[in-house]
Structure formats: structure tokens, C-alpha cells
Amino acid sequence: MSKPYAHIRGVLLDKDGTILDYARTWVPINREVALAAARGEPALADRLLAAGGHDPATDHVTPGTPLAAGTADDIAACFAMVLGQRTPPDLPATITRIFADGGGSHAVLLDGAHAAIAALKRMGLAVGLATNDSDGGMRASLRRVGLLQSFDYLVAADGGHGAKPGPGMALAFARAMAIEPAHLAAVGDATHDLDMARAAGYGLRIAVLSGTGTRTDLTPHADAILPSIVNLPALLAR
């Protein structure tokens, strides 16, 4: 019997919600970003959180919103809609700095993620990571959880290839690995991840339920849905 995924030669993983615990990593970072943008005013910071998709009362983050899946520029633009003339002129740079500092201070690996990535490598697959975080934030997060050297390719939203859901980062991984997109899989917890893969012509789009996305949100965009990355090696090996 042929293996349904035997054509897959590489996997491009998302970071937050896919290998990192989104809530434990990003709830404190989101709050710090909002408070900085509000110049220390708690009530205004709560308004910014809500505008960005993060409920300040429950810490629930709505899938697909700027604080769930956006870049630093997306978040700055969202906050600016609330702040108007009170918008700090260096807000995108401030957010990028806080992301980098926060990744180094707060990143928490999802249970089993390290072993799953090692298993993918043992299977002979190229393994990359693409994120809408900044390069500094990405590297700080991966360094904190001991995964900085575990990937064949790393790319962030400020790496010159555009941001999700555009195809640039996915195509850059394909070129770097010299693998046709049809032989690559993308894995993520948000529709941005899956739509990036579709736009790049990837052969397989896999959603995980370990982040902000829900089964209802992700099903129309995914070829397969898994509880977490822990289940990925078995899926690709079967």
C-alpha cells in the first residue's frame, strides 16, 4: 500500500501556537505592547488590547486578529486607529523591540514539540520555520526554548519575503531547500499559515488545534487537522 504523503520532502512550521504555547508566551507580551503604546495608561491599554483581538478581561485572543496572527506593522496600524494623534511615532519599532525582548523572556515550548521536530528530522525531511514575528523575536524565542539550531531554514516577517498570508516566506523555504512547493507541507494554527501555503502551491496544508485557531475556522483551509505537532510525524509516516 502506498503512503499518501510519500511525496512530502519538507515541512514548514509556524512558531506561535504551533511549537510555542501561544497563551503562556504571548498574553504577557501583548499586555506589555498595549501598555507601551498607551504610554502607561491601563484603561487605554485595555482598549488597544480589545481592538487587537485580545480580550483584556479573559485573555482570550480571537483567531485571525492582529494580536493573534499579525506582524508588528499590523498591530501598530490597529493601535493607531484607536490612538489617532496620540500614536507614538516610533510605535512599530517599539513593538518589534518588545517582541524580541518578550520572546527571550516568555517563550514556552508546547509539550512534545522538541521531540516531534527531532522525529521529522530523523525521517529525512527538511524542516523550516516561518513566522509573522520579527527576526529578533523569532530567534530570541527559539534560543530560549533550545531550538535555534534545530531548523534548516528560518524566516520572519521582516526577512524580506513578505508576511503571511502572502506566499513569499513559503516560496523562500522551497528555494532554499531546492524542493518543489508541491512536495512541501505547511503546518500552523491560523488560517494565515494555511493560506500562505495555498498561495505558494504547497502540496499539503496541516492545521493544528494547539493555538488560537478553532476547528471551525481552520477546516475550510486545511487538508488535515491534528491536535498538535506531536501527531505530525505519525501522520507523515503512515
C-alpha atoms as a PDB file:
ATOM      1  CA  MET A   1       0.000   0.000   0.000  1.00  0.00           C
ATOM      2  CA  SER A   2       1.428   3.378  -0.968  1.00  0.00           C
ATOM      3  CA  LYS A   3       1.869   6.059   1.643  1.00  0.00           C
ATOM      4  CA  PRO A   4      -0.404   9.059   0.965  1.00  0.00           C
ATOM      5  CA  TYR A   5       2.254  11.578   1.989  1.00  0.00           C
ATOM      6  CA  ALA A   6       5.303   9.898   0.497  1.00  0.00           C
ATOM      7  CA  HIS A   7       5.730  12.866  -1.865  1.00  0.00           C
ATOM      8  CA  ILE A   8       6.352  15.283   1.030  1.00  0.00           C
ATOM      9  CA  ARG A   9      10.062  16.095   1.389  1.00  0.00           C
ATOM     10  CA  GLY A  10       9.932  19.063   3.715  1.00  0.00           C
ATOM     11  CA  VAL A  11       7.788  20.760   6.371  1.00  0.00           C
ATOM     12  CA  LEU A  12       7.467  24.472   7.097  1.00  0.00           C
ATOM     13  CA  LEU A  13       6.255  25.082  10.636  1.00  0.00           C
ATOM     14  CA  ASP A  14       4.627  28.130  12.154  1.00  0.00           C
ATOM     15  CA  LYS A  15       6.014  29.279  15.512  1.00  0.00           C
ATOM     16  CA  ASP A  16       3.398  30.660  17.918  1.00  0.00           C
ATOM     17  CA  GLY A  17       0.607  28.224  18.685  1.00  0.00           C
ATOM     18  CA  THR A  18       2.366  25.503  16.697  1.00  0.00           C
ATOM     19  CA  ILE A  19       5.637  24.921  18.548  1.00  0.00           C
ATOM     20  CA  LEU A  20       5.232  27.569  21.260  1.00  0.00           C
ATOM     21  CA  ASP A  21       2.383  27.756  23.758  1.00  0.00           C
ATOM     22  CA  TYR A  22       0.547  30.852  22.477  1.00  0.00           C
ATOM     23  CA  ALA A  23      -1.215  31.866  25.693  1.00  0.00           C
ATOM     24  CA  ARG A  24       1.751  31.429  28.039  1.00  0.00           C
ATOM     25  CA  THR A  25       4.106  33.149  25.619  1.00  0.00           C
ATOM     26  CA  TRP A  26       2.014  35.955  24.145  1.00  0.00           C
ATOM     27  CA  VAL A  27      -0.517  37.061  26.761  1.00  0.00           C
ATOM     28  CA  PRO A  28       2.187  38.891  28.761  1.00  0.00           C
ATOM     29  CA  ILE A  29       3.821  40.232  25.575  1.00  0.00           C
ATOM     30  CA  ASN A  30       0.514  41.543  24.213  1.00  0.00           C
ATOM     31  CA  ARG A  31      -0.150  43.305  27.501  1.00  0.00           C
ATOM     32  CA  GLU A  32       3.298  44.898  27.515  1.00  0.00           C
ATOM     33  CA  VAL A  33       2.907  46.091  23.920  1.00  0.00           C
ATOM     34  CA  ALA A  34      -0.503  47.624  24.613  1.00  0.00           C
ATOM     35  CA  LEU A  35       0.694  49.375  27.773  1.00  0.00           C
ATOM     36  CA  ALA A  36       3.704  50.811  25.931  1.00  0.00           C
ATOM     37  CA  ALA A  37       1.507  52.066  23.095  1.00  0.00           C
ATOM     38  CA  ALA A  38      -0.864  53.614  25.670  1.00  0.00           C
ATOM     39  CA  ARG A  39       2.076  55.352  27.375  1.00  0.00           C
ATOM     40  CA  GLY A  40       1.320  53.583  30.636  1.00  0.00           C
ATOM     41  CA  GLU A  41      -2.450  54.267  30.823  1.00  0.00           C
ATOM     42  CA  PRO A  42      -4.102  50.969  31.855  1.00  0.00           C
ATOM     43  CA  ALA A  43      -7.616  51.806  30.617  1.00  0.00           C
ATOM     44  CA  LEU A  44      -6.313  52.854  27.211  1.00  0.00           C
ATOM     45  CA  ALA A  45      -4.113  49.751  27.068  1.00  0.00           C
ATOM     46  CA  ASP A  46      -7.221  47.613  27.594  1.00  0.00           C
ATOM     47  CA  ARG A  47      -8.917  49.400  24.682  1.00  0.00           C
ATOM     48  CA  LEU A  48      -5.911  48.653  22.496  1.00  0.00           C
ATOM     49  CA  LEU A  49      -5.907  45.007  23.504  1.00  0.00           C
ATOM     50  CA  ALA A  50      -9.587  44.703  22.642  1.00  0.00           C
ATOM     51  CA  ALA A  51      -9.071  46.400  19.288  1.00  0.00           C
ATOM     52  CA  GLY A  52      -6.268  43.950  18.516  1.00  0.00           C
ATOM     53  CA  GLY A  53      -8.394  40.908  19.340  1.00  0.00           C
ATOM     54  CA  HIS A  54      -7.199  40.217  22.890  1.00  0.00           C
ATOM     55  CA  ASP A  55      -9.980  40.368  25.500  1.00  0.00           C
ATOM     56  CA  PRO A  56      -8.396  42.187  28.476  1.00  0.00           C
ATOM     57  CA  ALA A  57     -10.814  40.575  30.928  1.00  0.00           C
ATOM     58  CA  THR A  58     -10.385  36.915  29.905  1.00  0.00           C
ATOM     59  CA  ASP A  59      -7.121  36.946  27.909  1.00  0.00           C
ATOM     60  CA  HIS A  60      -8.905  35.141  25.070  1.00  0.00           C
ATOM     61  CA  VAL A  61      -7.361  36.061  21.715  1.00  0.00           C
ATOM     62  CA  THR A  62      -9.641  35.867  18.680  1.00  0.00           C
ATOM     63  CA  PRO A  63      -8.242  33.877  15.745  1.00  0.00           C
ATOM     64  CA  GLY A  64      -7.068  35.892  12.753  1.00  0.00           C
ATOM     65  CA  THR A  65      -6.875  39.222  14.594  1.00  0.00           C
ATOM     66  CA  PRO A  66      -3.735  41.397  14.617  1.00  0.00           C
ATOM     67  CA  LEU A  67      -2.604  40.195  18.044  1.00  0.00           C
ATOM     68  CA  ALA A  68      -3.234  36.564  17.072  1.00  0.00           C
ATOM     69  CA  ALA A  69      -1.545  36.457  13.693  1.00  0.00           C
ATOM     70  CA  GLY A  70      -0.395  39.913  12.574  1.00  0.00           C
ATOM     71  CA  THR A  71       3.009  41.499  12.149  1.00  0.00           C
ATOM     72  CA  ALA A  72       4.351  44.369  14.238  1.00  0.00           C
ATOM     73  CA  ASP A  73       3.213  46.733  11.481  1.00  0.00           C
ATOM     74  CA  ASP A  74      -0.300  45.213  11.501  1.00  0.00           C
ATOM     75  CA  ILE A  75      -0.556  45.685  15.256  1.00  0.00           C
ATOM     76  CA  ALA A  76       0.799  49.239  15.103  1.00  0.00           C
ATOM     77  CA  ALA A  77      -1.749  50.138  12.424  1.00  0.00           C
ATOM     78  CA  CYS A  78      -4.565  48.633  14.513  1.00  0.00           C
ATOM     79  CA  PHE A  79      -3.499  50.546  17.604  1.00  0.00           C
ATOM     80  CA  ALA A  80      -3.162  53.754  15.592  1.00  0.00           C
ATOM     81  CA  MET A  81      -6.844  53.529  14.649  1.00  0.00           C
ATOM     82  CA  VAL A  82      -7.633  53.869  18.368  1.00  0.00           C
ATOM     83  CA  LEU A  83      -4.873  56.274  19.344  1.00  0.00           C
ATOM     84  CA  GLY A  84      -5.171  58.726  16.467  1.00  0.00           C
ATOM     85  CA  GLN A  85      -2.883  61.700  17.100  1.00  0.00           C
ATOM     86  CA  ARG A  86      -1.687  60.082  20.323  1.00  0.00           C
ATOM     87  CA  THR A  87       0.080  57.334  18.339  1.00  0.00           C
ATOM     88  CA  PRO A  88       3.783  57.227  19.288  1.00  0.00           C
ATOM     89  CA  PRO A  89       5.828  57.986  16.147  1.00  0.00           C
ATOM     90  CA  ASP A  90       8.104  55.005  16.719  1.00  0.00           C
ATOM     91  CA  LEU A  91       5.337  52.509  17.548  1.00  0.00           C
ATOM     92  CA  PRO A  92       6.296  49.775  15.012  1.00  0.00           C
ATOM     93  CA  ALA A  93       9.891  49.853  16.254  1.00  0.00           C
ATOM     94  CA  THR A  94       8.732  49.759  19.880  1.00  0.00           C
ATOM     95  CA  ILE A  95       6.531  46.732  19.186  1.00  0.00           C
ATOM     96  CA  THR A  96       9.378  44.956  17.381  1.00  0.00           C
ATOM     97  CA  ARG A  97      11.707  45.580  20.334  1.00  0.00           C
ATOM     98  CA  ILE A  98       9.163  44.308  22.855  1.00  0.00           C
ATOM     99  CA  PHE A  99       8.580  41.213  20.716  1.00  0.00           C
ATOM    100  CA  ALA A 100      12.295  40.431  20.745  1.00  0.00           C
ATOM    101  CA  ASP A 101      12.639  41.054  24.477  1.00  0.00           C
ATOM    102  CA  GLY A 102       9.417  39.178  25.216  1.00  0.00           C
ATOM    103  CA  GLY A 103      10.376  36.157  23.172  1.00  0.00           C
ATOM    104  CA  GLY A 104      13.560  35.864  25.156  1.00  0.00           C
ATOM    105  CA  SER A 105      11.698  36.239  28.458  1.00  0.00           C
ATOM    106  CA  HIS A 106       8.377  34.472  27.971  1.00  0.00           C
ATOM    107  CA  ALA A 107       8.631  31.796  25.246  1.00  0.00           C
ATOM    108  CA  VAL A 108       7.232  28.447  26.415  1.00  0.00           C
ATOM    109  CA  LEU A 109       7.531  25.330  24.280  1.00  0.00           C
ATOM    110  CA  LEU A 110       4.455  23.176  23.755  1.00  0.00           C
ATOM    111  CA  ASP A 111       4.743  19.736  25.316  1.00  0.00           C
ATOM    112  CA  GLY A 112       6.283  17.289  22.870  1.00  0.00           C
ATOM    113  CA  ALA A 113       7.321  19.869  20.275  1.00  0.00           C
ATOM    114  CA  HIS A 114      11.050  19.281  20.632  1.00  0.00           C
ATOM    115  CA  ALA A 115      10.664  15.517  20.182  1.00  0.00           C
ATOM    116  CA  ALA A 116       8.322  15.974  17.219  1.00  0.00           C
ATOM    117  CA  ILE A 117      10.793  18.215  15.389  1.00  0.00           C
ATOM    118  CA  ALA A 118      13.588  15.728  16.061  1.00  0.00           C
ATOM    119  CA  ALA A 119      11.390  12.938  14.678  1.00  0.00           C
ATOM    120  CA  LEU A 120      10.727  14.887  11.478  1.00  0.00           C
ATOM    121  CA  LYS A 121      14.465  15.361  11.026  1.00  0.00           C
ATOM    122  CA  ARG A 122      15.098  11.639  11.548  1.00  0.00           C
ATOM    123  CA  MET A 123      12.564  10.956   8.796  1.00  0.00           C
ATOM    124  CA  GLY A 124      14.833  12.831   6.401  1.00  0.00           C
ATOM    125  CA  LEU A 125      12.534  15.805   5.986  1.00  0.00           C
ATOM    126  CA  ALA A 126      13.744  19.373   5.593  1.00  0.00           C
ATOM    127  CA  VAL A 127      12.277  21.366   8.486  1.00  0.00           C
ATOM    128  CA  GLY A 128      11.817  25.134   8.357  1.00  0.00           C
ATOM    129  CA  LEU A 129      10.062  27.755  10.420  1.00  0.00           C
ATOM    130  CA  ALA A 130       8.156  30.813   9.164  1.00  0.00           C
ATOM    131  CA  THR A 131       6.587  33.401  11.446  1.00  0.00           C
ATOM    132  CA  ASN A 132       4.890  36.784  11.337  1.00  0.00           C
ATOM    133  CA  ASP A 133       7.047  37.687  14.333  1.00  0.00           C
ATOM    134  CA  SER A 134      10.198  39.742  13.767  1.00  0.00           C
ATOM    135  CA  ASP A 135      13.521  38.025  13.135  1.00  0.00           C
ATOM    136  CA  GLY A 136      14.773  39.192  16.522  1.00  0.00           C
ATOM    137  CA  GLY A 137      11.694  37.905  18.301  1.00  0.00           C
ATOM    138  CA  MET A 138      11.843  34.586  16.453  1.00  0.00           C
ATOM    139  CA  ARG A 139      15.491  33.986  17.317  1.00  0.00           C
ATOM    140  CA  ALA A 140      15.080  35.072  20.938  1.00  0.00           C
ATOM    141  CA  SER A 141      12.127  32.708  21.373  1.00  0.00           C
ATOM    142  CA  LEU A 142      13.894  29.745  19.757  1.00  0.00           C
ATOM    143  CA  ARG A 143      17.067  30.394  21.716  1.00  0.00           C
ATOM    144  CA  ARG A 144      15.107  30.399  24.990  1.00  0.00           C
ATOM    145  CA  VAL A 145      13.495  27.007  24.262  1.00  0.00           C
ATOM    146  CA  GLY A 146      16.650  25.409  22.852  1.00  0.00           C
ATOM    147  CA  LEU A 147      15.525  25.134  19.223  1.00  0.00           C
ATOM    148  CA  LEU A 148      17.547  27.825  17.450  1.00  0.00           C
ATOM    149  CA  GLN A 149      19.806  25.257  15.764  1.00  0.00           C
ATOM    150  CA  SER A 150      17.041  22.729  15.046  1.00  0.00           C
ATOM    151  CA  PHE A 151      15.791  24.133  11.747  1.00  0.00           C
ATOM    152  CA  ASP A 152      17.161  24.002   8.216  1.00  0.00           C
ATOM    153  CA  TYR A 153      15.673  27.410   7.438  1.00  0.00           C
ATOM    154  CA  LEU A 154      14.280  30.299   9.463  1.00  0.00           C
ATOM    155  CA  VAL A 155      12.311  33.244   8.092  1.00  0.00           C
ATOM    156  CA  ALA A 156      10.392  36.064   9.774  1.00  0.00           C
ATOM    157  CA  ALA A 157       8.042  38.761   8.532  1.00  0.00           C
ATOM    158  CA  ASP A 158      10.837  41.321   8.332  1.00  0.00           C
ATOM    159  CA  GLY A 159      13.187  38.972   6.464  1.00  0.00           C
ATOM    160  CA  GLY A 160      12.497  40.426   3.026  1.00  0.00           C
ATOM    161  CA  HIS A 161       9.970  37.854   1.804  1.00  0.00           C
ATOM    162  CA  GLY A 162       6.760  39.490   2.988  1.00  0.00           C
ATOM    163  CA  ALA A 163       4.361  38.298   5.651  1.00  0.00           C
ATOM    164  CA  LYS A 164       1.640  35.678   5.887  1.00  0.00           C
ATOM    165  CA  PRO A 165      -0.779  35.050   4.248  1.00  0.00           C
ATOM    166  CA  GLY A 166       1.357  36.040   1.255  1.00  0.00           C
ATOM    167  CA  PRO A 167       3.403  33.209  -0.311  1.00  0.00           C
ATOM    168  CA  GLY A 168       6.859  34.787  -0.005  1.00  0.00           C
ATOM    169  CA  MET A 169       8.173  33.001   3.079  1.00  0.00           C
ATOM    170  CA  ALA A 170       6.887  29.636   1.877  1.00  0.00           C
ATOM    171  CA  LEU A 171       8.481  30.095  -1.544  1.00  0.00           C
ATOM    172  CA  ALA A 172      11.751  31.204   0.068  1.00  0.00           C
ATOM    173  CA  PHE A 173      11.873  27.918   2.021  1.00  0.00           C
ATOM    174  CA  ALA A 174      11.238  25.950  -1.168  1.00  0.00           C
ATOM    175  CA  ARG A 175      14.074  27.747  -2.970  1.00  0.00           C
ATOM    176  CA  ALA A 176      16.480  27.399  -0.062  1.00  0.00           C
ATOM    177  CA  MET A 177      15.839  23.665   0.175  1.00  0.00           C
ATOM    178  CA  ALA A 178      15.672  23.165  -3.631  1.00  0.00           C
ATOM    179  CA  ILE A 179      12.333  21.383  -3.234  1.00  0.00           C
ATOM    180  CA  GLU A 180       9.317  21.989  -5.445  1.00  0.00           C
ATOM    181  CA  PRO A 181       6.425  23.528  -3.459  1.00  0.00           C
ATOM    182  CA  ALA A 182       4.191  20.588  -4.394  1.00  0.00           C
ATOM    183  CA  HIS A 183       6.484  18.384  -2.284  1.00  0.00           C
ATOM    184  CA  LEU A 184       6.257  20.570   0.812  1.00  0.00           C
ATOM    185  CA  ALA A 185       3.825  20.734   3.727  1.00  0.00           C
ATOM    186  CA  ALA A 186       2.982  23.747   5.887  1.00  0.00           C
ATOM    187  CA  VAL A 187       1.771  23.407   9.462  1.00  0.00           C
ATOM    188  CA  GLY A 188       0.113  26.112  11.541  1.00  0.00           C
ATOM    189  CA  ASP A 189      -2.625  27.087  13.953  1.00  0.00           C
ATOM    190  CA  ALA A 190      -4.010  30.015  11.911  1.00  0.00           C
ATOM    191  CA  THR A 191      -5.660  30.469   8.541  1.00  0.00           C
ATOM    192  CA  HIS A 192      -2.756  32.807   7.649  1.00  0.00           C
ATOM    193  CA  ASP A 193      -0.425  29.794   7.703  1.00  0.00           C
ATOM    194  CA  LEU A 194      -2.638  27.663   5.504  1.00  0.00           C
ATOM    195  CA  ASP A 195      -3.462  30.434   3.052  1.00  0.00           C
ATOM    196  CA  MET A 196       0.262  31.150   2.672  1.00  0.00           C
ATOM    197  CA  ALA A 197       0.800  27.510   1.757  1.00  0.00           C
ATOM    198  CA  ARG A 198      -2.058  27.502  -0.748  1.00  0.00           C
ATOM    199  CA  ALA A 199      -0.753  30.661  -2.409  1.00  0.00           C
ATOM    200  CA  ALA A 200       2.717  29.103  -2.671  1.00  0.00           C
ATOM    201  CA  GLY A 201       1.410  25.887  -4.216  1.00  0.00           C
ATOM    202  CA  TYR A 202       2.332  23.617  -1.314  1.00  0.00           C
ATOM    203  CA  GLY A 203       1.255  20.015  -1.593  1.00  0.00           C
ATOM    204  CA  LEU A 204      -0.151  19.720   1.916  1.00  0.00           C
ATOM    205  CA  ARG A 205      -1.688  22.130   4.417  1.00  0.00           C
ATOM    206  CA  ILE A 206      -1.955  20.865   8.001  1.00  0.00           C
ATOM    207  CA  ALA A 207      -3.747  22.713  10.787  1.00  0.00           C
ATOM    208  CA  VAL A 208      -3.066  22.172  14.479  1.00  0.00           C
ATOM    209  CA  LEU A 209      -5.523  22.930  17.278  1.00  0.00           C
ATOM    210  CA  SER A 210      -2.831  23.904  19.795  1.00  0.00           C
ATOM    211  CA  GLY A 211      -3.033  27.682  19.182  1.00  0.00           C
ATOM    212  CA  THR A 212      -5.656  30.347  18.594  1.00  0.00           C
ATOM    213  CA  GLY A 213      -7.417  28.763  15.605  1.00  0.00           C
ATOM    214  CA  THR A 214     -10.527  26.628  16.002  1.00  0.00           C
ATOM    215  CA  ARG A 215     -11.597  23.582  14.016  1.00  0.00           C
ATOM    216  CA  THR A 216     -14.446  25.612  12.523  1.00  0.00           C
ATOM    217  CA  ASP A 217     -12.075  28.351  11.370  1.00  0.00           C
ATOM    218  CA  LEU A 218      -9.392  26.038  10.057  1.00  0.00           C
ATOM    219  CA  THR A 219     -11.339  23.249   8.338  1.00  0.00           C
ATOM    220  CA  PRO A 220     -12.051  25.119   5.057  1.00  0.00           C
ATOM    221  CA  HIS A 221      -8.345  25.920   4.682  1.00  0.00           C
ATOM    222  CA  ALA A 222      -6.712  22.617   5.691  1.00  0.00           C
ATOM    223  CA  ASP A 223      -6.094  19.206   4.131  1.00  0.00           C
ATOM    224  CA  ALA A 224      -5.689  17.671   7.586  1.00  0.00           C
ATOM    225  CA  ILE A 225      -6.263  18.789  11.182  1.00  0.00           C
ATOM    226  CA  LEU A 226      -4.234  17.496  14.125  1.00  0.00           C
ATOM    227  CA  PRO A 227      -4.454  18.123  17.867  1.00  0.00           C
ATOM    228  CA  SER A 228      -0.830  19.316  17.878  1.00  0.00           C
ATOM    229  CA  ILE A 229       2.569  18.967  16.241  1.00  0.00           C
ATOM    230  CA  VAL A 230       3.080  15.865  18.384  1.00  0.00           C
ATOM    231  CA  ASN A 231       0.831  13.994  15.951  1.00  0.00           C
ATOM    232  CA  LEU A 232       2.647  15.220  12.826  1.00  0.00           C
ATOM    233  CA  PRO A 233       5.406  12.597  12.443  1.00  0.00           C
ATOM    234  CA  ALA A 234       2.900   9.755  12.616  1.00  0.00           C
ATOM    235  CA  LEU A 235       0.665  11.422  10.027  1.00  0.00           C
ATOM    236  CA  LEU A 236       3.510  11.856   7.548  1.00  0.00           C
ATOM    237  CA  ALA A 237       4.916   8.366   8.170  1.00  0.00           C
ATOM    238  CA  ARG A 238       1.710   6.400   7.782  1.00  0.00           C
END
